[in-house]
């Protein structure tokens, strides 16, 4: 009769790969939607052609839909990025994860602060919104890192007290 044996190798890489893949897909969808939106807006700015057909203005619907897909994909990507970092910290047995994670989080937060300052100095609305978007993205990624930073600090403290 066959007996059940425990797998000596824990399957830790499957979750990390899945979260990494989903994160990359979410960010790729956001980039594609943003590029499609830019291309659609550029084509809407072309000269008007005269035709005998009744005008149908799909521009607001299509541009809003593309923008919402881009924003939703970024939101999902940031949440998945935070979950990926937590899984990496949970599964990591090496101590050097903490300094790299904290350093990366601090760099993201500093980048958000710099983008905020640059956005406040812009003279056109388009430039200001572009820099504000960068500020929000960097701040969101820094905030997504915080649970993993807290978990890594807690684990490092626990290891020191042993």
N, C-alpha and C. Protein backbone atom coordinates (compact mmCIF):
# COMPACT_ATOMS: atom_id res chain seq x y z
N UNK A 1 0.84 -1.17 0.00
CA UNK A 1 0.00 0.00 0.00
C UNK A 1 0.89 1.25 0.00
N UNK A 2 0.62 2.21 -0.87
CA UNK A 2 1.46 3.40 -0.91
C UNK A 2 1.29 4.23 0.37
N UNK A 3 2.38 4.83 0.77
CA UNK A 3 2.34 5.70 1.96
C UNK A 3 2.57 7.13 1.53
N UNK A 4 2.00 8.02 2.30
CA UNK A 4 2.17 9.45 2.01
C UNK A 4 3.49 9.92 2.61
N UNK A 5 4.24 10.56 1.80
CA UNK A 5 5.50 11.12 2.29
C UNK A 5 5.47 12.62 2.13
N UNK A 6 6.05 13.28 3.08
CA UNK A 6 6.11 14.74 3.03
C UNK A 6 7.21 15.16 2.07
N UNK A 7 6.92 16.17 1.32
CA UNK A 7 7.91 16.71 0.39
C UNK A 7 8.97 17.46 1.21
N UNK A 8 10.24 17.04 1.14
CA UNK A 8 11.26 17.70 1.96
C UNK A 8 11.53 19.15 1.51
N UNK A 9 11.19 19.45 0.27
CA UNK A 9 11.43 20.80 -0.23
C UNK A 9 10.12 21.59 -0.15
N UNK A 10 10.09 22.65 0.63
CA UNK A 10 8.86 23.45 0.66
C UNK A 10 8.69 24.19 -0.66
N UNK A 11 7.47 24.29 -1.10
CA UNK A 11 7.19 24.97 -2.37
C UNK A 11 6.95 26.44 -2.11
N UNK A 12 8.04 27.16 -1.92
CA UNK A 12 7.92 28.58 -1.59
C UNK A 12 7.98 29.47 -2.81
N UNK A 13 8.53 28.97 -3.89
CA UNK A 13 8.71 29.81 -5.06
C UNK A 13 7.44 30.02 -5.88
N UNK A 14 6.46 29.15 -5.73
CA UNK A 14 5.26 29.23 -6.55
C UNK A 14 4.47 30.51 -6.27
N UNK A 15 4.27 30.84 -5.00
CA UNK A 15 3.53 32.04 -4.65
C UNK A 15 4.28 33.29 -5.08
N UNK A 16 5.57 33.29 -4.87
CA UNK A 16 6.38 34.46 -5.24
C UNK A 16 6.35 34.67 -6.75
N UNK A 17 6.49 33.60 -7.50
CA UNK A 17 6.43 33.73 -8.96
C UNK A 17 5.06 34.21 -9.43
N UNK A 18 4.02 33.67 -8.82
CA UNK A 18 2.66 34.07 -9.22
C UNK A 18 2.41 35.54 -8.92
N UNK A 19 2.79 35.97 -7.73
CA UNK A 19 2.60 37.39 -7.38
C UNK A 19 3.46 38.30 -8.26
N UNK A 20 4.68 37.88 -8.53
CA UNK A 20 5.55 38.67 -9.40
C UNK A 20 4.99 38.78 -10.81
N UNK A 21 4.48 37.68 -11.32
CA UNK A 21 3.89 37.68 -12.66
C UNK A 21 2.64 38.56 -12.71
N UNK A 22 1.77 38.41 -11.72
CA UNK A 22 0.56 39.24 -11.69
C UNK A 22 0.88 40.72 -11.55
N UNK A 23 1.89 41.04 -10.76
CA UNK A 23 2.31 42.44 -10.61
C UNK A 23 2.80 42.99 -11.94
N UNK A 24 3.64 42.22 -12.61
CA UNK A 24 4.16 42.67 -13.90
C UNK A 24 3.03 42.84 -14.92
N UNK A 25 2.07 41.92 -14.91
CA UNK A 25 0.93 42.02 -15.84
C UNK A 25 0.11 43.26 -15.55
N UNK A 26 -0.14 43.53 -14.28
CA UNK A 26 -0.92 44.72 -13.92
C UNK A 26 -0.23 46.00 -14.37
N UNK A 27 1.08 46.09 -14.14
CA UNK A 27 1.81 47.28 -14.58
C UNK A 27 1.87 47.37 -16.10
N UNK A 28 1.98 46.23 -16.78
CA UNK A 28 2.00 46.24 -18.26
C UNK A 28 0.65 46.70 -18.81
N UNK A 29 -0.44 46.26 -18.21
CA UNK A 29 -1.76 46.72 -18.66
C UNK A 29 -1.90 48.21 -18.45
N UNK A 30 -1.39 48.71 -17.34
CA UNK A 30 -1.45 50.15 -17.08
C UNK A 30 -0.66 50.95 -18.11
N UNK A 31 0.52 50.47 -18.45
CA UNK A 31 1.35 51.16 -19.44
C UNK A 31 0.68 51.12 -20.81
N UNK A 32 0.15 49.97 -21.19
CA UNK A 32 -0.51 49.85 -22.50
C UNK A 32 -1.74 50.75 -22.57
N UNK A 33 -2.52 50.78 -21.49
CA UNK A 33 -3.70 51.65 -21.48
C UNK A 33 -3.31 53.12 -21.55
N UNK A 34 -2.23 53.48 -20.87
CA UNK A 34 -1.77 54.88 -20.90
C UNK A 34 -1.28 55.25 -22.29
N UNK A 35 -0.53 54.36 -22.92
CA UNK A 35 -0.05 54.64 -24.28
C UNK A 35 -1.22 54.72 -25.26
N UNK A 36 -2.20 53.86 -25.10
CA UNK A 36 -3.39 53.91 -25.96
C UNK A 36 -4.15 55.21 -25.75
N UNK A 37 -4.24 55.66 -24.51
CA UNK A 37 -4.91 56.93 -24.22
C UNK A 37 -4.17 58.10 -24.86
N UNK A 38 -2.84 58.12 -24.74
CA UNK A 38 -2.06 59.19 -25.37
C UNK A 38 -2.24 59.19 -26.88
N UNK A 39 -2.23 58.00 -27.46
CA UNK A 39 -2.39 57.91 -28.92
C UNK A 39 -3.80 58.35 -29.34
N UNK A 40 -4.80 57.97 -28.57
CA UNK A 40 -6.18 58.34 -28.88
C UNK A 40 -6.37 59.85 -28.75
N UNK A 41 -5.77 60.44 -27.72
CA UNK A 41 -5.88 61.89 -27.55
C UNK A 41 -5.15 62.63 -28.68
N UNK A 42 -4.03 62.08 -29.13
CA UNK A 42 -3.32 62.71 -30.24
C UNK A 42 -4.13 62.64 -31.52
N UNK A 43 -4.81 61.53 -31.74
CA UNK A 43 -5.62 61.43 -32.95
C UNK A 43 -6.86 62.30 -32.87
N UNK A 44 -7.35 62.57 -31.67
CA UNK A 44 -8.51 63.44 -31.52
C UNK A 44 -8.15 64.90 -31.80
N UNK A 45 -6.87 65.22 -31.70
CA UNK A 45 -6.44 66.59 -31.94
C UNK A 45 -6.13 66.86 -33.41
N UNK A 46 -6.29 65.86 -34.26
CA UNK A 46 -6.05 66.05 -35.70
C UNK A 46 -7.10 67.00 -36.28
N UNK A 47 -6.83 67.57 -37.45
CA UNK A 47 -7.80 68.47 -38.06
C UNK A 47 -9.13 67.78 -38.34
N UNK A 48 -10.17 68.54 -38.31
CA UNK A 48 -11.53 68.01 -38.51
C UNK A 48 -11.73 67.73 -40.00
N UNK A 49 -12.32 66.58 -40.27
CA UNK A 49 -12.64 66.23 -41.65
C UNK A 49 -14.14 66.44 -41.84
N UNK A 50 -14.48 66.96 -42.99
CA UNK A 50 -15.90 67.19 -43.28
C UNK A 50 -16.48 65.93 -43.90
N UNK A 51 -17.64 65.55 -43.40
CA UNK A 51 -18.30 64.34 -43.87
C UNK A 51 -19.81 64.54 -43.85
N UNK A 52 -20.51 63.68 -44.53
CA UNK A 52 -21.97 63.79 -44.55
C UNK A 52 -22.63 62.99 -43.44
N UNK A 53 -21.83 62.24 -42.64
CA UNK A 53 -22.37 61.45 -41.56
C UNK A 53 -22.61 62.32 -40.33
N UNK A 54 -23.56 61.91 -39.54
CA UNK A 54 -23.82 62.62 -38.30
C UNK A 54 -22.64 62.43 -37.35
N UNK A 55 -22.28 63.46 -36.65
CA UNK A 55 -21.14 63.32 -35.73
C UNK A 55 -21.53 62.48 -34.50
N UNK A 56 -20.66 61.58 -34.16
CA UNK A 56 -20.82 60.78 -32.96
C UNK A 56 -19.56 61.02 -32.12
N UNK A 57 -19.76 61.59 -30.97
CA UNK A 57 -18.61 61.93 -30.14
C UNK A 57 -18.33 60.81 -29.14
N UNK A 58 -17.43 59.92 -29.52
CA UNK A 58 -17.03 58.82 -28.64
C UNK A 58 -15.83 59.20 -27.79
N UNK A 59 -15.26 60.35 -28.03
CA UNK A 59 -14.02 60.74 -27.35
C UNK A 59 -14.14 60.69 -25.82
N UNK A 60 -15.15 61.30 -25.22
CA UNK A 60 -15.19 61.27 -23.75
C UNK A 60 -15.33 59.85 -23.18
N UNK A 61 -16.10 59.03 -23.83
CA UNK A 61 -16.31 57.67 -23.34
C UNK A 61 -15.03 56.85 -23.45
N UNK A 62 -14.39 56.88 -24.61
CA UNK A 62 -13.19 56.07 -24.83
C UNK A 62 -12.03 56.58 -23.98
N UNK A 63 -11.83 57.88 -23.92
CA UNK A 63 -10.71 58.40 -23.14
C UNK A 63 -10.91 58.15 -21.65
N UNK A 64 -12.14 58.27 -21.17
CA UNK A 64 -12.41 57.98 -19.76
C UNK A 64 -12.20 56.50 -19.46
N UNK A 65 -12.65 55.64 -20.35
CA UNK A 65 -12.48 54.21 -20.16
C UNK A 65 -11.00 53.82 -20.12
N UNK A 66 -10.21 54.36 -21.05
CA UNK A 66 -8.77 54.05 -21.06
C UNK A 66 -8.08 54.57 -19.80
N UNK A 67 -8.45 55.77 -19.37
CA UNK A 67 -7.85 56.32 -18.15
C UNK A 67 -8.22 55.49 -16.93
N UNK A 68 -9.47 55.03 -16.86
CA UNK A 68 -9.88 54.22 -15.72
C UNK A 68 -9.20 52.87 -15.71
N UNK A 69 -8.99 52.29 -16.87
CA UNK A 69 -8.26 51.01 -16.93
C UNK A 69 -6.83 51.20 -16.46
N UNK A 70 -6.20 52.30 -16.88
CA UNK A 70 -4.81 52.57 -16.47
C UNK A 70 -4.73 52.77 -14.96
N UNK A 71 -5.62 53.56 -14.41
CA UNK A 71 -5.58 53.84 -12.97
C UNK A 71 -5.89 52.58 -12.16
N UNK A 72 -6.87 51.81 -12.58
CA UNK A 72 -7.21 50.58 -11.85
C UNK A 72 -6.06 49.58 -11.91
N UNK A 73 -5.40 49.49 -13.04
CA UNK A 73 -4.28 48.56 -13.17
C UNK A 73 -3.11 48.98 -12.29
N UNK A 74 -2.88 50.27 -12.21
CA UNK A 74 -1.81 50.75 -11.32
C UNK A 74 -2.15 50.43 -9.88
N UNK A 75 -3.40 50.65 -9.49
CA UNK A 75 -3.80 50.34 -8.12
C UNK A 75 -3.62 48.87 -7.79
N UNK A 76 -4.04 48.01 -8.70
CA UNK A 76 -3.88 46.57 -8.50
C UNK A 76 -2.39 46.21 -8.46
N UNK A 77 -1.60 46.82 -9.33
CA UNK A 77 -0.17 46.54 -9.35
C UNK A 77 0.53 46.94 -8.06
N UNK A 78 0.14 48.09 -7.50
CA UNK A 78 0.74 48.53 -6.24
C UNK A 78 0.36 47.59 -5.10
N UNK A 79 -0.90 47.16 -5.04
CA UNK A 79 -1.31 46.22 -3.99
C UNK A 79 -0.59 44.89 -4.13
N UNK A 80 -0.47 44.40 -5.37
CA UNK A 80 0.25 43.14 -5.59
C UNK A 80 1.74 43.28 -5.26
N UNK A 81 2.31 44.45 -5.54
CA UNK A 81 3.70 44.71 -5.21
C UNK A 81 3.91 44.63 -3.70
N UNK A 82 3.00 45.23 -2.94
CA UNK A 82 3.10 45.16 -1.48
C UNK A 82 2.98 43.73 -0.98
N UNK A 83 2.05 42.97 -1.55
CA UNK A 83 1.89 41.57 -1.15
C UNK A 83 3.12 40.75 -1.52
N UNK A 84 3.69 41.03 -2.67
CA UNK A 84 4.91 40.33 -3.10
C UNK A 84 6.05 40.59 -2.12
N UNK A 85 6.21 41.83 -1.69
CA UNK A 85 7.28 42.13 -0.74
C UNK A 85 7.07 41.43 0.60
N UNK A 86 5.83 41.35 1.06
CA UNK A 86 5.55 40.65 2.31
C UNK A 86 5.89 39.17 2.17
N UNK A 87 5.54 38.56 1.04
CA UNK A 87 5.85 37.14 0.83
C UNK A 87 7.36 36.94 0.78
N UNK A 88 8.06 37.84 0.12
CA UNK A 88 9.53 37.72 0.04
C UNK A 88 10.15 37.82 1.43
N UNK A 89 9.67 38.75 2.24
CA UNK A 89 10.22 38.91 3.59
C UNK A 89 9.88 37.68 4.45
N UNK A 90 8.67 37.18 4.33
CA UNK A 90 8.27 36.01 5.12
C UNK A 90 9.11 34.79 4.77
N UNK A 91 9.43 34.64 3.51
CA UNK A 91 10.13 33.43 3.09
C UNK A 91 11.64 33.56 3.11
N UNK A 92 12.13 34.76 3.29
CA UNK A 92 13.58 34.97 3.27
C UNK A 92 14.18 34.57 4.61
N UNK A 93 15.26 33.89 4.55
CA UNK A 93 15.97 33.49 5.77
C UNK A 93 17.26 34.31 5.95
N UNK A 94 17.49 35.21 5.04
CA UNK A 94 18.71 36.01 5.11
C UNK A 94 18.43 37.34 5.77
N UNK A 95 19.33 37.82 6.57
CA UNK A 95 19.18 39.07 7.30
C UNK A 95 19.32 40.30 6.40
N UNK A 96 20.11 40.32 5.34
CA UNK A 96 20.31 41.55 4.56
C UNK A 96 19.06 42.07 3.84
N UNK A 97 17.92 41.40 3.97
CA UNK A 97 16.71 41.90 3.32
C UNK A 97 16.28 43.24 3.94
N UNK A 98 16.44 43.37 5.25
CA UNK A 98 15.95 44.55 5.96
C UNK A 98 16.60 45.85 5.44
N UNK A 99 17.92 45.96 5.37
CA UNK A 99 18.50 47.22 4.90
C UNK A 99 18.11 47.57 3.46
N UNK A 100 18.04 46.56 2.59
CA UNK A 100 17.67 46.82 1.20
C UNK A 100 16.23 47.29 1.11
N UNK A 101 15.36 46.67 1.86
CA UNK A 101 13.95 47.03 1.84
C UNK A 101 13.73 48.43 2.40
N UNK A 102 14.35 48.72 3.52
CA UNK A 102 14.22 50.05 4.12
C UNK A 102 14.84 51.10 3.20
N UNK A 103 15.99 50.81 2.63
CA UNK A 103 16.63 51.76 1.71
C UNK A 103 15.79 52.04 0.48
N UNK A 104 15.20 50.98 -0.09
CA UNK A 104 14.33 51.16 -1.24
C UNK A 104 13.09 51.98 -0.91
N UNK A 105 12.52 51.73 0.27
CA UNK A 105 11.34 52.48 0.69
C UNK A 105 11.67 53.95 0.89
N UNK A 106 12.81 54.22 1.50
CA UNK A 106 13.22 55.62 1.71
C UNK A 106 13.48 56.30 0.37
N UNK A 107 14.10 55.60 -0.57
CA UNK A 107 14.33 56.19 -1.89
C UNK A 107 13.02 56.49 -2.62
N UNK A 108 12.04 55.59 -2.51
CA UNK A 108 10.74 55.84 -3.12
C UNK A 108 10.06 57.06 -2.49
N UNK A 109 10.14 57.17 -1.17
CA UNK A 109 9.53 58.31 -0.49
C UNK A 109 10.23 59.61 -0.86
N UNK A 110 11.56 59.59 -0.94
CA UNK A 110 12.30 60.79 -1.36
C UNK A 110 11.98 61.16 -2.80
N UNK A 111 11.86 60.16 -3.67
CA UNK A 111 11.47 60.43 -5.05
C UNK A 111 10.10 61.07 -5.13
N UNK A 112 9.17 60.62 -4.28
CA UNK A 112 7.83 61.22 -4.25
C UNK A 112 7.91 62.67 -3.78
N UNK A 113 8.75 62.95 -2.80
CA UNK A 113 8.90 64.33 -2.32
C UNK A 113 9.50 65.23 -3.39
N UNK A 114 10.50 64.72 -4.10
CA UNK A 114 11.12 65.51 -5.18
C UNK A 114 10.12 65.75 -6.30
N UNK A 115 9.37 64.74 -6.67
CA UNK A 115 8.35 64.91 -7.72
C UNK A 115 7.29 65.91 -7.29
N UNK A 116 6.97 65.95 -6.02
CA UNK A 116 6.00 66.93 -5.52
C UNK A 116 6.53 68.34 -5.63
N UNK A 117 7.79 68.53 -5.31
CA UNK A 117 8.40 69.86 -5.42
C UNK A 117 8.46 70.29 -6.88
N UNK A 118 8.86 69.39 -7.75
CA UNK A 118 8.94 69.71 -9.18
C UNK A 118 7.55 70.02 -9.73
N UNK A 119 6.53 69.27 -9.29
CA UNK A 119 5.16 69.51 -9.75
C UNK A 119 4.68 70.89 -9.33
N UNK A 120 5.07 71.33 -8.16
CA UNK A 120 4.60 72.64 -7.69
C UNK A 120 5.27 73.79 -8.44
N UNK A 121 6.38 73.53 -9.10
CA UNK A 121 7.08 74.57 -9.84
C UNK A 121 6.69 74.64 -11.31
N UNK A 122 5.84 73.74 -11.77
CA UNK A 122 5.46 73.72 -13.18
C UNK A 122 4.50 74.87 -13.50
N UNK A 123 4.61 75.36 -14.72
CA UNK A 123 3.76 76.50 -15.12
C UNK A 123 2.58 76.08 -15.98
N UNK A 124 2.60 74.87 -16.51
CA UNK A 124 1.46 74.40 -17.31
C UNK A 124 0.72 73.30 -16.56
N UNK A 125 -0.55 73.21 -16.85
CA UNK A 125 -1.38 72.21 -16.18
C UNK A 125 -0.96 70.79 -16.55
N UNK A 126 -0.63 70.58 -17.80
CA UNK A 126 -0.24 69.24 -18.25
C UNK A 126 1.03 68.78 -17.56
N UNK A 127 2.02 69.65 -17.48
CA UNK A 127 3.27 69.29 -16.82
C UNK A 127 3.05 69.04 -15.33
N UNK A 128 2.21 69.86 -14.73
CA UNK A 128 1.93 69.68 -13.30
C UNK A 128 1.23 68.35 -13.04
N UNK A 129 0.29 67.97 -13.90
CA UNK A 129 -0.40 66.70 -13.68
C UNK A 129 0.52 65.50 -13.94
N UNK A 130 1.43 65.63 -14.89
CA UNK A 130 2.38 64.54 -15.13
C UNK A 130 3.27 64.31 -13.91
N UNK A 131 3.81 65.38 -13.36
CA UNK A 131 4.66 65.25 -12.18
C UNK A 131 3.85 64.82 -10.96
N UNK A 132 2.61 65.24 -10.87
CA UNK A 132 1.76 64.80 -9.76
C UNK A 132 1.47 63.30 -9.87
N UNK A 133 1.34 62.81 -11.09
CA UNK A 133 1.13 61.38 -11.28
C UNK A 133 2.35 60.60 -10.81
N UNK A 134 3.54 61.09 -11.15
CA UNK A 134 4.76 60.43 -10.68
C UNK A 134 4.83 60.46 -9.16
N UNK A 135 4.48 61.59 -8.57
CA UNK A 135 4.50 61.72 -7.11
C UNK A 135 3.57 60.69 -6.48
N UNK A 136 2.37 60.57 -7.01
CA UNK A 136 1.40 59.64 -6.45
C UNK A 136 1.85 58.19 -6.62
N UNK A 137 2.43 57.88 -7.76
CA UNK A 137 2.90 56.51 -8.00
C UNK A 137 4.03 56.14 -7.05
N UNK A 138 4.99 57.03 -6.89
CA UNK A 138 6.11 56.75 -5.99
C UNK A 138 5.66 56.67 -4.54
N UNK A 139 4.77 57.55 -4.14
CA UNK A 139 4.25 57.50 -2.76
C UNK A 139 3.45 56.23 -2.53
N UNK A 140 2.68 55.80 -3.52
CA UNK A 140 1.92 54.56 -3.39
C UNK A 140 2.84 53.35 -3.25
N UNK A 141 3.91 53.31 -4.04
CA UNK A 141 4.85 52.20 -3.93
C UNK A 141 5.57 52.22 -2.58
N UNK A 142 5.90 53.40 -2.09
CA UNK A 142 6.54 53.50 -0.77
C UNK A 142 5.57 53.03 0.32
N UNK A 143 4.32 53.41 0.21
CA UNK A 143 3.33 52.97 1.20
C UNK A 143 3.10 51.46 1.12
N UNK A 144 3.17 50.90 -0.08
CA UNK A 144 3.00 49.45 -0.25
C UNK A 144 4.16 48.68 0.38
N UNK A 145 5.30 49.32 0.52
CA UNK A 145 6.46 48.68 1.13
C UNK A 145 6.36 48.61 2.66
N UNK A 146 5.54 49.47 3.26
CA UNK A 146 5.53 49.57 4.72
C UNK A 146 5.18 48.28 5.46
N UNK A 147 4.16 47.50 5.03
CA UNK A 147 3.93 46.25 5.76
C UNK A 147 5.13 45.30 5.72
N UNK A 148 5.80 45.23 4.59
CA UNK A 148 6.98 44.37 4.49
C UNK A 148 8.12 44.90 5.35
N UNK A 149 8.28 46.22 5.42
CA UNK A 149 9.32 46.82 6.25
C UNK A 149 9.04 46.50 7.73
N UNK A 150 7.79 46.65 8.13
CA UNK A 150 7.42 46.34 9.53
C UNK A 150 7.65 44.87 9.84
N UNK A 151 7.27 43.99 8.94
CA UNK A 151 7.48 42.56 9.14
C UNK A 151 8.96 42.24 9.21
N UNK A 152 9.75 42.84 8.33
CA UNK A 152 11.20 42.59 8.34
C UNK A 152 11.83 43.10 9.63
N UNK A 153 11.40 44.27 10.10
CA UNK A 153 11.94 44.81 11.35
C UNK A 153 11.55 43.93 12.54
N UNK A 154 10.33 43.44 12.54
CA UNK A 154 9.87 42.57 13.61
C UNK A 154 10.66 41.25 13.62
N UNK A 155 10.87 40.71 12.45
CA UNK A 155 11.66 39.46 12.36
C UNK A 155 13.10 39.68 12.78
N UNK A 156 13.68 40.83 12.38
CA UNK A 156 15.06 41.11 12.77
C UNK A 156 15.17 41.27 14.30
N UNK A 157 14.18 41.92 14.89
CA UNK A 157 14.17 42.11 16.34
C UNK A 157 14.03 40.77 17.06
N UNK A 158 13.17 39.92 16.54
CA UNK A 158 12.97 38.60 17.13
C UNK A 158 14.24 37.77 17.05
N UNK A 159 14.95 37.86 15.94
CA UNK A 159 16.19 37.11 15.78
C UNK A 159 17.27 37.62 16.71
N UNK A 160 17.29 38.93 16.95
CA UNK A 160 18.28 39.49 17.86
C UNK A 160 18.03 39.07 19.30
N UNK A 161 16.78 38.94 19.69
CA UNK A 161 16.49 38.58 21.07
C UNK A 161 16.67 37.10 21.36
N UNK A 162 16.82 36.28 20.36
CA UNK A 162 17.04 34.82 20.58
C UNK A 162 18.38 34.54 21.11
